[in-house]
Amino acid sequence: MQNVIRTIIEKIPSGRIFDSHYIIDQLIKNYSDEYLAYAGNFNATTDRTLVVHGNIGKDIAKFNNTMIRQLSDPSWSENIHGNASECTCWLKI
């Protein structure tokens, strides 16, 4: 998953702000096999999507201060269900 996330981040122009919902959306649209394999690693009985996406957020954070920088304020954007919610924002450096 780290390699796929790195690939997505590399495609974002420097100086642009994005959020974790954007990365998850790109994973589902362009890397669905990898996304599904990753999701299969979690045995959550409830809120499986939330658990998987929370872990994707942790994987994104591993690039903090190398390729990206976490911003202090969250975004308000749509999740995969079309519901608006707070989401961690990043700046591509």
Protein backbone atom coordinates (compact mmCIF):
# COMPACT_ATOMS: atom_id res chain seq x y z
CA MET A 1 0.00 0.00 0.00
CA GLN A 2 2.87 2.37 0.76
CA ASN A 3 4.10 2.18 -2.85
CA VAL A 4 0.65 2.94 -4.22
CA ILE A 5 0.15 5.87 -1.85
CA ARG A 6 3.60 7.16 -2.81
CA THR A 7 2.64 6.96 -6.50
CA ILE A 8 -0.55 8.95 -5.88
CA ILE A 9 1.30 11.60 -3.85
CA GLU A 10 4.00 11.90 -6.52
CA LYS A 11 1.33 12.87 -9.07
CA ILE A 12 0.13 15.80 -6.93
CA PRO A 13 1.86 19.06 -7.89
CA SER A 14 4.07 20.63 -5.22
CA GLY A 15 2.39 23.32 -3.17
CA ARG A 16 -1.08 21.78 -3.49
CA ILE A 17 -3.32 20.93 -0.56
CA PHE A 18 -5.18 17.62 -0.56
CA ASP A 19 -6.91 15.46 2.01
CA SER A 20 -7.08 11.80 2.91
CA HIS A 21 -10.45 11.47 1.14
CA TYR A 22 -8.67 12.36 -2.12
CA ILE A 23 -6.09 9.60 -1.62
CA ILE A 24 -8.79 7.05 -0.75
CA ASP A 25 -10.81 8.10 -3.80
CA GLN A 26 -7.76 7.65 -6.03
CA LEU A 27 -7.09 4.24 -4.50
CA ILE A 28 -10.61 3.05 -5.23
CA LYS A 29 -10.71 4.50 -8.77
CA ASN A 30 -7.23 3.64 -9.99
CA TYR A 31 -5.87 0.94 -7.69
CA SER A 32 -8.96 -1.07 -6.76
CA ASP A 33 -7.16 -4.43 -6.64
CA GLU A 34 -4.59 -3.09 -4.19
CA TYR A 35 -7.31 -1.33 -2.18
CA LEU A 36 -9.39 -4.49 -1.88
CA ALA A 37 -6.37 -6.63 -0.96
CA TYR A 38 -5.43 -4.09 1.72
CA ALA A 39 -8.99 -3.96 3.06
CA GLY A 40 -8.96 -7.75 3.31
CA ASN A 41 -6.21 -7.52 5.93
CA PHE A 42 -8.61 -6.11 8.53
CA ASN A 43 -11.05 -8.28 10.46
CA ALA A 44 -13.25 -5.53 11.90
CA THR A 45 -16.76 -6.80 12.54
CA THR A 46 -18.30 -3.32 12.57
CA ASP A 47 -17.29 -0.12 10.82
CA ARG A 48 -14.83 -1.98 8.61
CA THR A 49 -14.64 0.91 6.14
CA LEU A 50 -13.80 3.31 8.95
CA VAL A 51 -11.07 0.98 10.22
CA VAL A 52 -9.56 0.50 6.76
CA HIS A 53 -9.67 4.20 5.93
CA GLY A 54 -8.24 5.12 9.30
CA ASN A 55 -5.29 2.86 8.57
CA ILE A 56 -4.87 4.39 5.13
CA GLY A 57 -4.67 7.74 6.91
CA LYS A 58 -1.89 6.34 9.09
CA ASP A 59 -0.09 5.12 5.98
CA ILE A 60 -0.35 8.57 4.40
CA ALA A 61 1.08 10.08 7.58
CA LYS A 62 4.24 8.01 7.15
CA PHE A 63 5.18 10.43 4.34
CA ASN A 64 4.87 13.46 6.65
CA ASN A 65 7.90 15.75 6.47
CA THR A 66 9.32 13.92 3.45
CA MET A 67 6.86 14.28 0.57
CA ILE A 68 4.04 16.00 2.43
CA ARG A 69 3.36 18.09 5.50
CA GLN A 70 0.26 17.69 7.66
CA LEU A 71 -1.72 20.89 8.04
CA SER A 72 -3.27 21.90 11.35
CA ASP A 73 -6.79 22.47 10.04
CA PRO A 74 -8.89 19.65 8.59
CA SER A 75 -10.87 19.76 5.39
CA TRP A 76 -14.62 19.31 5.07
CA SER A 77 -15.02 16.94 2.14
CA GLU A 78 -17.08 14.02 0.93
CA ASN A 79 -16.15 10.49 1.90
CA ILE A 80 -16.78 7.50 -0.38
CA HIS A 81 -20.44 7.48 0.66
CA GLY A 82 -20.93 11.10 -0.40
CA ASN A 83 -21.22 12.29 3.20
CA ALA A 84 -19.28 15.37 4.22
CA SER A 85 -16.94 14.95 7.17
CA GLU A 86 -13.70 16.32 8.57
CA CYS A 87 -10.56 14.90 7.05
CA THR A 88 -6.83 15.41 7.55
CA CYS A 89 -5.27 17.89 5.12
CA TRP A 90 -1.80 17.64 3.64
CA LEU A 91 0.46 19.96 1.67
CA LYS A 92 2.59 18.40 -1.07
CA ILE A 93 6.15 19.66 -0.55
